Amino acid sequence: VRRPRYANPARDNYRQEVGDDEASDPLHYGRSLIDLIAQTPGQE
């Protein structure tokens, strides 16, 4: 709820328009890749 109010609005990622999910918006969702990282031995 509490968010930064950057003087430069270009820094504010809350203004970004995003798609519905990873399939429709692969630039803003990454759950499948995070799962892959977690499944790989030795990765934090």
ModelCIF file with pLDDT and N, C-alpha, C, O atoms, coordinates in Angstrom:
data_MODEL
#
_entry.id   MODEL 
#
_entity.id                         1 
_entity.type                       polymer 
_entity.pdbx_number_of_molecules   1 
#
_entity_poly.entity_id                      1 
_entity_poly.type                           'polypeptide(L)' 
_entity_poly.nstd_linkage                   no 
_entity_poly.nstd_monomer                   no 
_entity_poly.pdbx_seq_one_letter_code       VRRPRYANPARDNYRQEVGDDEASDPLHYGRSLIDLIAQTPGQE 
_entity_poly.pdbx_seq_one_letter_code_can   VRRPRYANPARDNYRQEVGDDEASDPLHYGRSLIDLIAQTPGQE 
_entity_poly.pdbx_strand_id                 A 
#
loop_
_entity_poly_seq.entity_id 
_entity_poly_seq.num 
_entity_poly_seq.mon_id 
_entity_poly_seq.hetero 
1 1  VAL n 
1 2  ARG n 
1 3  ARG n 
1 4  PRO n 
1 5  ARG n 
1 6  TYR n 
1 7  ALA n 
1 8  ASN n 
1 9  PRO n 
1 10 ALA n 
1 11 ARG n 
1 12 ASP n 
1 13 ASN n 
1 14 TYR n 
1 15 ARG n 
1 16 GLN n 
1 17 GLU n 
1 18 VAL n 
1 19 GLY n 
1 20 ASP n 
1 21 ASP n 
1 22 GLU n 
1 23 ALA n 
1 24 SER n 
1 25 ASP n 
1 26 PRO n 
1 27 LEU n 
1 28 HIS n 
1 29 TYR n 
1 30 GLY n 
1 31 ARG n 
1 32 SER n 
1 33 LEU n 
1 34 ILE n 
1 35 ASP n 
1 36 LEU n 
1 37 ILE n 
1 38 ALA n 
1 39 GLN n 
1 40 THR n 
1 41 PRO n 
1 42 GLY n 
1 43 GLN n 
1 44 GLU n 
#
_struct_asym.id          A 
_struct_asym.entity_id   1 
#
loop_
_ma_qa_metric.id 
_ma_qa_metric.mode 
_ma_qa_metric.name 
_ma_qa_metric.software_group_id 
_ma_qa_metric.type 
1 global pLDDT . pLDDT 
2 local  pLDDT . pLDDT 
#
_ma_qa_metric_global.metric_id      1 
_ma_qa_metric_global.metric_value   97.07 
_ma_qa_metric_global.model_id       1 
_ma_qa_metric_global.ordinal_id     1 
#
loop_
_ma_qa_metric_local.label_asym_id 
_ma_qa_metric_local.label_comp_id 
_ma_qa_metric_local.label_seq_id 
_ma_qa_metric_local.metric_id 
_ma_qa_metric_local.metric_value 
_ma_qa_metric_local.model_id 
_ma_qa_metric_local.ordinal_id 
A VAL 1  2 97.00 1 1  
A ARG 2  2 97.00 1 2  
A ARG 3  2 97.00 1 3  
A PRO 4  2 97.00 1 4  
A ARG 5  2 97.00 1 5  
A TYR 6  2 97.00 1 6  
A ALA 7  2 97.00 1 7  
A ASN 8  2 96.00 1 8  
A PRO 9  2 95.00 1 9  
A ALA 10 2 95.00 1 10 
A ARG 11 2 96.00 1 11 
A ASP 12 2 97.00 1 12 
A ASN 13 2 97.00 1 13 
A TYR 14 2 96.00 1 14 
A ARG 15 2 94.00 1 15 
A GLN 16 2 94.00 1 16 
A GLU 17 2 93.00 1 17 
A VAL 18 2 96.00 1 18 
A GLY 19 2 97.00 1 19 
A ASP 20 2 97.00 1 20 
A ASP 21 2 98.00 1 21 
A GLU 22 2 98.00 1 22 
A ALA 23 2 97.00 1 23 
A SER 24 2 97.00 1 24 
A ASP 25 2 98.00 1 25 
A PRO 26 2 98.00 1 26 
A LEU 27 2 97.00 1 27 
A HIS 28 2 98.00 1 28 
A TYR 29 2 98.00 1 29 
A GLY 30 2 98.00 1 30 
A ARG 31 2 98.00 1 31 
A SER 32 2 98.00 1 32 
A LEU 33 2 98.00 1 33 
A ILE 34 2 98.00 1 34 
A ASP 35 2 98.00 1 35 
A LEU 36 2 98.00 1 36 
A ILE 37 2 98.00 1 37 
A ALA 38 2 98.00 1 38 
A GLN 39 2 98.00 1 39 
A THR 40 2 98.00 1 40 
A PRO 41 2 98.00 1 41 
A GLY 42 2 98.00 1 42 
A GLN 43 2 98.00 1 43 
A GLU 44 2 98.00 1 44 
#
loop_
_atom_site.group_PDB 
_atom_site.id 
_atom_site.type_symbol 
_atom_site.label_atom_id 
_atom_site.label_alt_id 
_atom_site.label_comp_id 
_atom_site.label_asym_id 
_atom_site.label_entity_id 
_atom_site.label_seq_id 
_atom_site.pdbx_PDB_ins_code 
_atom_site.Cartn_x 
_atom_site.Cartn_y 
_atom_site.Cartn_z 
_atom_site.occupancy 
_atom_site.B_iso_or_equiv 
_atom_site.pdbx_formal_charge 
_atom_site.auth_seq_id 
_atom_site.auth_comp_id 
_atom_site.auth_asym_id 
_atom_site.auth_atom_id 
_atom_site.pdbx_PDB_model_num 
ATOM 1   N N  . VAL A 1 1  ? 0.842  -1.192  0.000   1.00 97.00 ? 1  VAL A N  1 
ATOM 2   C CA . VAL A 1 1  ? 0.000  0.000   0.000   1.00 97.00 ? 1  VAL A CA 1 
ATOM 3   C C  . VAL A 1 1  ? 0.881  1.248   0.000   1.00 97.00 ? 1  VAL A C  1 
ATOM 4   O O  . VAL A 1 1  ? 0.621  2.213   -0.719  1.00 97.00 ? 1  VAL A O  1 
ATOM 5   N N  . ARG A 1 2  ? 1.924  1.206   0.820   1.00 97.00 ? 2  ARG A N  1 
ATOM 6   C CA . ARG A 1 2  ? 2.857  2.326   0.887   1.00 97.00 ? 2  ARG A CA 1 
ATOM 7   C C  . ARG A 1 2  ? 3.864  2.196   -0.258  1.00 97.00 ? 2  ARG A C  1 
ATOM 8   O O  . ARG A 1 2  ? 4.511  1.159   -0.405  1.00 97.00 ? 2  ARG A O  1 
ATOM 9   N N  . ARG A 1 3  ? 3.991  3.237   -1.058  1.00 97.00 ? 3  ARG A N  1 
ATOM 10  C CA . ARG A 1 3  ? 4.859  3.177   -2.227  1.00 97.00 ? 3  ARG A CA 1 
ATOM 11  C C  . ARG A 1 3  ? 5.706  4.441   -2.328  1.00 97.00 ? 3  ARG A C  1 
ATOM 12  O O  . ARG A 1 3  ? 5.318  5.494   -1.823  1.00 97.00 ? 3  ARG A O  1 
ATOM 13  N N  . PRO A 1 4  ? 6.856  4.337   -2.977  1.00 97.00 ? 4  PRO A N  1 
ATOM 14  C CA . PRO A 1 4  ? 7.668  5.536   -3.182  1.00 97.00 ? 4  PRO A CA 1 
ATOM 15  C C  . PRO A 1 4  ? 6.992  6.495   -4.151  1.00 97.00 ? 4  PRO A C  1 
ATOM 16  O O  . PRO A 1 4  ? 6.232  6.087   -5.029  1.00 97.00 ? 4  PRO A O  1 
ATOM 17  N N  . ARG A 1 5  ? 7.280  7.757   -3.973  1.00 97.00 ? 5  ARG A N  1 
ATOM 18  C CA . ARG A 1 5  ? 6.780  8.786   -4.888  1.00 97.00 ? 5  ARG A CA 1 
ATOM 19  C C  . ARG A 1 5  ? 7.990  9.479   -5.517  1.00 97.00 ? 5  ARG A C  1 
ATOM 20  O O  . ARG A 1 5  ? 8.354  10.597  -5.152  1.00 97.00 ? 5  ARG A O  1 
ATOM 21  N N  . TYR A 1 6  ? 8.589  8.785   -6.461  1.00 97.00 ? 6  TYR A N  1 
ATOM 22  C CA . TYR A 1 6  ? 9.805  9.297   -7.073  1.00 97.00 ? 6  TYR A CA 1 
ATOM 23  C C  . TYR A 1 6  ? 9.555  10.635  -7.766  1.00 97.00 ? 6  TYR A C  1 
ATOM 24  O O  . TYR A 1 6  ? 8.529  10.837  -8.416  1.00 97.00 ? 6  TYR A O  1 
ATOM 25  N N  . ALA A 1 7  ? 10.520 11.544  -7.607  1.00 97.00 ? 7  ALA A N  1 
ATOM 26  C CA . ALA A 1 7  ? 10.431 12.820  -8.311  1.00 97.00 ? 7  ALA A CA 1 
ATOM 27  C C  . ALA A 1 7  ? 10.464 12.610  -9.819  1.00 97.00 ? 7  ALA A C  1 
ATOM 28  O O  . ALA A 1 7  ? 9.849  13.357  -10.580 1.00 97.00 ? 7  ALA A O  1 
ATOM 29  N N  . ASN A 1 8  ? 11.193 11.578  -10.236 1.00 96.00 ? 8  ASN A N  1 
ATOM 30  C CA . ASN A 1 8  ? 11.239 11.204  -11.650 1.00 96.00 ? 8  ASN A CA 1 
ATOM 31  C C  . ASN A 1 8  ? 10.255 10.062  -11.877 1.00 96.00 ? 8  ASN A C  1 
ATOM 32  O O  . ASN A 1 8  ? 10.547 8.923   -11.510 1.00 96.00 ? 8  ASN A O  1 
ATOM 33  N N  . PRO A 1 9  ? 9.100  10.337  -12.470 1.00 95.00 ? 9  PRO A N  1 
ATOM 34  C CA . PRO A 1 9  ? 8.077  9.282   -12.622 1.00 95.00 ? 9  PRO A CA 1 
ATOM 35  C C  . PRO A 1 9  ? 8.528  8.106   -13.472 1.00 95.00 ? 9  PRO A C  1 
ATOM 36  O O  . PRO A 1 9  ? 7.940  7.028   -13.382 1.00 95.00 ? 9  PRO A O  1 
ATOM 37  N N  . ALA A 1 10 ? 9.553  8.283   -14.292 1.00 95.00 ? 10 ALA A N  1 
ATOM 38  C CA . ALA A 1 10 ? 10.040 7.173   -15.113 1.00 95.00 ? 10 ALA A CA 1 
ATOM 39  C C  . ALA A 1 10 ? 10.584 6.036   -14.257 1.00 95.00 ? 10 ALA A C  1 
ATOM 40  O O  . ALA A 1 10 ? 10.667 4.896   -14.715 1.00 95.00 ? 10 ALA A O  1 
ATOM 41  N N  . ARG A 1 11 ? 10.955 6.345   -13.013 1.00 96.00 ? 11 ARG A N  1 
ATOM 42  C CA . ARG A 1 11 ? 11.492 5.309   -12.116 1.00 96.00 ? 11 ARG A CA 1 
ATOM 43  C C  . ARG A 1 11 ? 10.389 4.470   -11.469 1.00 96.00 ? 11 ARG A C  1 
ATOM 44  O O  . ARG A 1 11 ? 10.676 3.432   -10.872 1.00 96.00 ? 11 ARG A O  1 
ATOM 45  N N  . ASP A 1 12 ? 9.152  4.900   -11.578 1.00 97.00 ? 12 ASP A N  1 
ATOM 46  C CA . ASP A 1 12 ? 8.045  4.281   -10.849 1.00 97.00 ? 12 ASP A CA 1 
ATOM 47  C C  . ASP A 1 12 ? 7.486  3.082   -11.609 1.00 97.00 ? 12 ASP A C  1 
ATOM 48  O O  . ASP A 1 12 ? 6.728  3.246   -12.565 1.00 97.00 ? 12 ASP A O  1 
ATOM 49  N N  . ASN A 1 13 ? 7.857  1.891   -11.187 1.00 97.00 ? 13 ASN A N  1 
ATOM 50  C CA . ASN A 1 13 ? 7.383  0.682   -11.863 1.00 97.00 ? 13 ASN A CA 1 
ATOM 51  C C  . ASN A 1 13 ? 5.905  0.391   -11.611 1.00 97.00 ? 13 ASN A C  1 
ATOM 52  O O  . ASN A 1 13 ? 5.305  -0.418  -12.319 1.00 97.00 ? 13 ASN A O  1 
ATOM 53  N N  . TYR A 1 14 ? 5.321  1.035   -10.618 1.00 96.00 ? 14 TYR A N  1 
ATOM 54  C CA . TYR A 1 14 ? 3.887  0.831   -10.387 1.00 96.00 ? 14 TYR A CA 1 
ATOM 55  C C  . TYR A 1 14 ? 3.051  1.438   -11.501 1.00 96.00 ? 14 TYR A C  1 
ATOM 56  O O  . TYR A 1 14 ? 1.859  1.150   -11.610 1.00 96.00 ? 14 TYR A O  1 
ATOM 57  N N  . ARG A 1 15 ? 3.659  2.268   -12.322 1.00 94.00 ? 15 ARG A N  1 
ATOM 58  C CA . ARG A 1 15 ? 2.954  2.876   -13.452 1.00 94.00 ? 15 ARG A CA 1 
ATOM 59  C C  . ARG A 1 15 ? 2.959  1.970   -14.689 1.00 94.00 ? 15 ARG A C  1 
ATOM 60  O O  . ARG A 1 15 ? 2.294  2.266   -15.681 1.00 94.00 ? 15 ARG A O  1 
ATOM 61  N N  . GLN A 1 16 ? 3.707  0.870   -14.625 1.00 94.00 ? 16 GLN A N  1 
ATOM 62  C CA . GLN A 1 16 ? 3.826  0.000   -15.790 1.00 94.00 ? 16 GLN A CA 1 
ATOM 63  C C  . GLN A 1 16 ? 2.531  -0.764  -16.061 1.00 94.00 ? 16 GLN A C  1 
ATOM 64  O O  . GLN A 1 16 ? 1.869  -1.238  -15.138 1.00 94.00 ? 16 GLN A O  1 
ATOM 65  N N  . GLU A 1 17 ? 2.194  -0.869  -17.313 1.00 93.00 ? 17 GLU A N  1 
ATOM 66  C CA . GLU A 1 17 ? 1.061  -1.707  -17.711 1.00 93.00 ? 17 GLU A CA 1 
ATOM 67  C C  . GLU A 1 17 ? 1.567  -3.132  -17.930 1.00 93.00 ? 17 GLU A C  1 
ATOM 68  O O  . GLU A 1 17 ? 2.545  -3.352  -18.644 1.00 93.00 ? 17 GLU A O  1 
ATOM 69  N N  . VAL A 1 18 ? 0.897  -4.079  -17.315 1.00 96.00 ? 18 VAL A N  1 
ATOM 70  C CA . VAL A 1 18 ? 1.325  -5.468  -17.416 1.00 96.00 ? 18 VAL A CA 1 
ATOM 71  C C  . VAL A 1 18 ? 0.203  -6.324  -17.970 1.00 96.00 ? 18 VAL A C  1 
ATOM 72  O O  . VAL A 1 18 ? -0.971 -5.957  -17.906 1.00 96.00 ? 18 VAL A O  1 
ATOM 73  N N  . GLY A 1 19 ? 0.585  -7.483  -18.520 1.00 97.00 ? 19 GLY A N  1 
ATOM 74  C CA . GLY A 1 19 ? -0.392 -8.410  -19.055 1.00 97.00 ? 19 GLY A CA 1 
ATOM 75  C C  . GLY A 1 19 ? -1.015 -9.263  -17.967 1.00 97.00 ? 19 GLY A C  1 
ATOM 76  O O  . GLY A 1 19 ? -0.832 -9.014  -16.776 1.00 97.00 ? 19 GLY A O  1 
ATOM 77  N N  . ASP A 1 20 ? -1.750 -10.267 -18.396 1.00 97.00 ? 20 ASP A N  1 
ATOM 78  C CA . ASP A 1 20 ? -2.486 -11.097 -17.449 1.00 97.00 ? 20 ASP A CA 1 
ATOM 79  C C  . ASP A 1 20 ? -1.603 -12.105 -16.732 1.00 97.00 ? 20 ASP A C  1 
ATOM 80  O O  . ASP A 1 20 ? -1.818 -12.400 -15.557 1.00 97.00 ? 20 ASP A O  1 
ATOM 81  N N  . ASP A 1 21 ? -0.595 -12.642 -17.447 1.00 98.00 ? 21 ASP A N  1 
ATOM 82  C CA . ASP A 1 21 ? 0.226  -13.695 -16.866 1.00 98.00 ? 21 ASP A CA 1 
ATOM 83  C C  . ASP A 1 21 ? 1.508  -13.841 -17.677 1.00 98.00 ? 21 ASP A C  1 
ATOM 84  O O  . ASP A 1 21 ? 1.770  -13.064 -18.595 1.00 98.00 ? 21 ASP A O  1 
ATOM 85  N N  . GLU A 1 22 ? 2.303  -14.848 -17.323 1.00 98.00 ? 22 GLU A N  1 
ATOM 86  C CA . GLU A 1 22 ? 3.605  -15.024 -17.967 1.00 98.00 ? 22 GLU A CA 1 
ATOM 87  C C  . GLU A 1 22 ? 3.476  -15.361 -19.449 1.00 98.00 ? 22 GLU A C  1 
ATOM 88  O O  . GLU A 1 22 ? 4.308  -14.941 -20.254 1.00 98.00 ? 22 GLU A O  1 
ATOM 89  N N  . ALA A 1 23 ? 2.456  -16.104 -19.810 1.00 97.00 ? 23 ALA A N  1 
ATOM 90  C CA . ALA A 1 23 ? 2.281  -16.473 -21.217 1.00 97.00 ? 23 ALA A CA 1 
ATOM 91  C C  . ALA A 1 23 ? 2.005  -15.256 -22.088 1.00 97.00 ? 23 ALA A C  1 
ATOM 92  O O  . ALA A 1 23 ? 2.489  -15.169 -23.216 1.00 97.00 ? 23 ALA A O  1 
ATOM 93  N N  . SER A 1 24 ? 1.225  -14.317 -21.562 1.00 97.00 ? 24 SER A N  1 
ATOM 94  C CA . SER A 1 24 ? 0.868  -13.134 -22.346 1.00 97.00 ? 24 SER A CA 1 
ATOM 95  C C  . SER A 1 24 ? 1.877  -12.005 -22.195 1.00 97.00 ? 24 SER A C  1 
ATOM 96  O O  . SER A 1 24 ? 1.929  -11.104 -23.032 1.00 97.00 ? 24 SER A O  1 
ATOM 97  N N  . ASP A 1 25 ? 2.687  -12.046 -21.126 1.00 98.00 ? 25 ASP A N  1 
ATOM 98  C CA . ASP A 1 25 ? 3.620  -10.953 -20.847 1.00 98.00 ? 25 ASP A CA 1 
ATOM 99  C C  . ASP A 1 25 ? 4.924  -11.511 -20.282 1.00 98.00 ? 25 ASP A C  1 
ATOM 100 O O  . ASP A 1 25 ? 5.162  -11.424 -19.077 1.00 98.00 ? 25 ASP A O  1 
ATOM 101 N N  . PRO A 1 26 ? 5.761  -12.076 -21.131 1.00 98.00 ? 26 PRO A N  1 
ATOM 102 C CA . PRO A 1 26 ? 6.994  -12.722 -20.659 1.00 98.00 ? 26 PRO A CA 1 
ATOM 103 C C  . PRO A 1 26 ? 8.068  -11.753 -20.176 1.00 98.00 ? 26 PRO A C  1 
ATOM 104 O O  . PRO A 1 26 ? 9.095  -12.189 -19.656 1.00 98.00 ? 26 PRO A O  1 
ATOM 105 N N  . LEU A 1 27 ? 7.856  -10.459 -20.333 1.00 97.00 ? 27 LEU A N  1 
ATOM 106 C CA . LEU A 1 27 ? 8.826  -9.473  -19.859 1.00 97.00 ? 27 LEU A CA 1 
ATOM 107 C C  . LEU A 1 27 ? 8.574  -9.030  -18.417 1.00 97.00 ? 27 LEU A C  1 
ATOM 108 O O  . LEU A 1 27 ? 9.450  -8.431  -17.793 1.00 97.00 ? 27 LEU A O  1 
ATOM 109 N N  . HIS A 1 28 ? 7.379  -9.321  -17.883 1.00 98.00 ? 28 HIS A N  1 
ATOM 110 C CA . HIS A 1 28 ? 7.034  -8.832  -16.551 1.00 98.00 ? 28 HIS A CA 1 
ATOM 111 C C  . HIS A 1 28 ? 6.686  -9.937  -15.553 1.00 98.00 ? 28 HIS A C  1 
ATOM 112 O O  . HIS A 1 28 ? 6.461  -9.653  -14.376 1.00 98.00 ? 28 HIS A O  1 
ATOM 113 N N  . TYR A 1 29 ? 6.640  -11.171 -15.999 1.00 98.00 ? 29 TYR A N  1 
ATOM 114 C CA . TYR A 1 29 ? 6.410  -12.316 -15.120 1.00 98.00 ? 29 TYR A CA 1 
ATOM 115 C C  . TYR A 1 29 ? 7.536  -13.325 -15.355 1.00 98.00 ? 29 TYR A C  1 
ATOM 116 O O  . TYR A 1 29 ? 8.025  -13.479 -16.474 1.00 98.00 ? 29 TYR A O  1 
ATOM 117 N N  . GLY A 1 30 ? 7.939  -14.008 -14.281 1.00 98.00 ? 30 GLY A N  1 
ATOM 118 C CA . GLY A 1 30 ? 9.047  -14.957 -14.455 1.00 98.00 ? 30 GLY A CA 1 
ATOM 119 C C  . GLY A 1 30 ? 8.964  -16.163 -13.552 1.00 98.00 ? 30 GLY A C  1 
ATOM 120 O O  . GLY A 1 30 ? 9.985  -16.771 -13.228 1.00 98.00 ? 30 GLY A O  1 
ATOM 121 N N  . ARG A 1 31 ? 7.741  -16.524 -13.134 1.00 98.00 ? 31 ARG A N  1 
ATOM 122 C CA . ARG A 1 31 ? 7.585  -17.608 -12.160 1.00 98.00 ? 31 ARG A CA 1 
ATOM 123 C C  . ARG A 1 31 ? 8.197  -18.915 -12.660 1.00 98.00 ? 31 ARG A C  1 
ATOM 124 O O  . ARG A 1 31 ? 8.841  -19.623 -11.887 1.00 98.00 ? 31 ARG A O  1 
ATOM 125 N N  . SER A 1 32 ? 8.009  -19.245 -13.929 1.00 98.00 ? 32 SER A N  1 
ATOM 126 C CA . SER A 1 32 ? 8.548  -20.514 -14.447 1.00 98.00 ? 32 SER A CA 1 
ATOM 127 C C  . SER A 1 32 ? 10.067 -20.524 -14.391 1.00 98.00 ? 32 SER A C  1 
ATOM 128 O O  . SER A 1 32 ? 10.670 -21.563 -14.121 1.00 98.00 ? 32 SER A O  1 
ATOM 129 N N  . LEU A 1 33 ? 10.689 -19.378 -14.644 1.00 98.00 ? 33 LEU A N  1 
ATOM 130 C CA . LEU A 1 33 ? 12.149 -19.306 -14.587 1.00 98.00 ? 33 LEU A CA 1 
ATOM 131 C C  . LEU A 1 33 ? 12.653 -19.378 -13.146 1.00 98.00 ? 33 LEU A C  1 
ATOM 132 O O  . LEU A 1 33 ? 13.686 -19.987 -12.870 1.00 98.00 ? 33 LEU A O  1 
ATOM 133 N N  . ILE A 1 34 ? 11.911 -18.750 -12.232 1.00 98.00 ? 34 ILE A N  1 
ATOM 134 C CA . ILE A 1 34 ? 12.292 -18.839 -10.812 1.00 98.00 ? 34 ILE A CA 1 
ATOM 135 C C  . ILE A 1 34 ? 12.211 -20.289 -10.342 1.00 98.00 ? 34 ILE A C  1 
ATOM 136 O O  . ILE A 1 34 ? 13.089 -20.765 -9.622  1.00 98.00 ? 34 ILE A O  1 
ATOM 137 N N  . ASP A 1 35 ? 11.152 -20.986 -10.755 1.00 98.00 ? 35 ASP A N  1 
ATOM 138 C CA . ASP A 1 35 ? 11.033 -22.403 -10.384 1.00 98.00 ? 35 ASP A CA 1 
ATOM 139 C C  . ASP A 1 35 ? 12.207 -23.203 -10.935 1.00 98.00 ? 35 ASP A C  1 
ATOM 140 O O  . ASP A 1 35 ? 12.718 -24.101 -10.266 1.00 98.00 ? 35 ASP A O  1 
ATOM 141 N N  . LEU A 1 36 ? 12.632 -22.882 -12.146 1.00 98.00 ? 36 LEU A N  1 
ATOM 142 C CA . LEU A 1 36 ? 13.766 -23.572 -12.749 1.00 98.00 ? 36 LEU A CA 1 
ATOM 143 C C  . LEU A 1 36 ? 15.049 -23.297 -11.972 1.00 98.00 ? 36 LEU A C  1 
ATOM 144 O O  . LEU A 1 36 ? 15.860 -24.199 -11.761 1.00 98.00 ? 36 LEU A O  1 
ATOM 145 N N  . ILE A 1 37 ? 15.227 -22.058 -11.550 1.00 98.00 ? 37 ILE A N  1 
ATOM 146 C CA . ILE A 1 37 ? 16.395 -21.705 -10.735 1.00 98.00 ? 37 ILE A CA 1 
ATOM 147 C C  . ILE A 1 37 ? 16.396 -22.516 -9.445  1.00 98.00 ? 37 ILE A C  1 
ATOM 148 O O  . ILE A 1 37 ? 17.408 -23.107 -9.070  1.00 98.00 ? 37 ILE A O  1 
ATOM 149 N N  . ALA A 1 38 ? 15.246 -22.537 -8.769  1.00 98.00 ? 38 ALA A N  1 
ATOM 150 C CA . ALA A 1 38 ? 15.152 -23.226 -7.484  1.00 98.00 ? 38 ALA A CA 1 
ATOM 151 C C  . ALA A 1 38 ? 15.370 -24.730 -7.610  1.00 98.00 ? 38 ALA A C  1 
ATOM 152 O O  . ALA A 1 38 ? 15.833 -25.371 -6.667  1.00 98.00 ? 38 ALA A O  1 
ATOM 153 N N  . GLN A 1 39 ? 15.040 -25.292 -8.765  1.00 98.00 ? 39 GLN A N  1 
ATOM 154 C CA . GLN A 1 39 ? 15.202 -26.731 -8.978  1.00 98.00 ? 39 GLN A CA 1 
ATOM 155 C C  . GLN A 1 39 ? 16.634 -27.115 -9.346  1.00 98.00 ? 39 GLN A C  1 
ATOM 156 O O  . GLN A 1 39 ? 16.970 -28.299 -9.382  1.00 98.00 ? 39 GLN A O  1 
ATOM 157 N N  . THR A 1 40 ? 17.468 -26.132 -9.615  1.00 98.00 ? 40 THR A N  1 
ATOM 158 C CA . THR A 1 40 ? 18.845 -26.410 -10.015 1.00 98.00 ? 40 THR A CA 1 
ATOM 159 C C  . THR A 1 40 ? 19.734 -26.444 -8.779  1.00 98.00 ? 40 THR A C  1 
ATOM 160 O O  . THR A 1 40 ? 19.742 -25.481 -8.012  1.00 98.00 ? 40 THR A O  1 
ATOM 161 N N  . PRO A 1 41 ? 20.486 -27.526 -8.561  1.00 98.00 ? 41 PRO A N  1 
ATOM 162 C CA . PRO A 1 41 ? 21.310 -27.642 -7.351  1.00 98.00 ? 41 PRO A CA 1 
ATOM 163 C C  . PRO A 1 41 ? 22.261 -26.457 -7.175  1.00 98.00 ? 41 PRO A C  1 
ATOM 164 O O  . PRO A 1 41 ? 22.875 -25.984 -8.131  1.00 98.00 ? 41 PRO A O  1 
ATOM 165 N N  . GLY A 1 42 ? 22.364 -25.992 -5.931  1.00 98.00 ? 42 GLY A N  1 
ATOM 166 C CA . GLY A 1 42 ? 23.327 -24.964 -5.596  1.00 98.00 ? 42 GLY A CA 1 
ATOM 167 C C  . GLY A 1 42 ? 22.888 -23.537 -5.853  1.00 98.00 ? 42 GLY A C  1 
ATOM 168 O O  . GLY A 1 42 ? 23.656 -22.605 -5.614  1.00 98.00 ? 42 GLY A O  1 
ATOM 169 N N  . GLN A 1 43 ? 21.652 -23.344 -6.341  1.00 98.00 ? 43 GLN A N  1 
ATOM 170 C CA . GLN A 1 43 ? 21.209 -21.990 -6.679  1.00 98.00 ? 43 GLN A CA 1 
ATOM 171 C C  . GLN A 1 43 ? 20.373 -21.398 -5.543  1.00 98.00 ? 43 GLN A C  1 
ATOM 172 O O  . GLN A 1 43 ? 19.464 -22.043 -5.020  1.00 98.00 ? 43 GLN A O  1 
ATOM 173 N N  . GLU A 1 44 ? 20.695 -20.170 -5.176  1.00 98.00 ? 44 GLU A N  1 
ATOM 174 C CA . GLU A 1 44 ? 19.975 -19.454 -4.132  1.00 98.00 ? 44 GLU A CA 1 
ATOM 175 C C  . GLU A 1 44 ? 19.032 -18.433 -4.766  1.00 98.00 ? 44 GLU A C  1 
ATOM 176 O O  . GLU A 1 44 ? 18.326 -17.719 -4.054  1.00 98.00 ? 44 GLU A O  1 
#
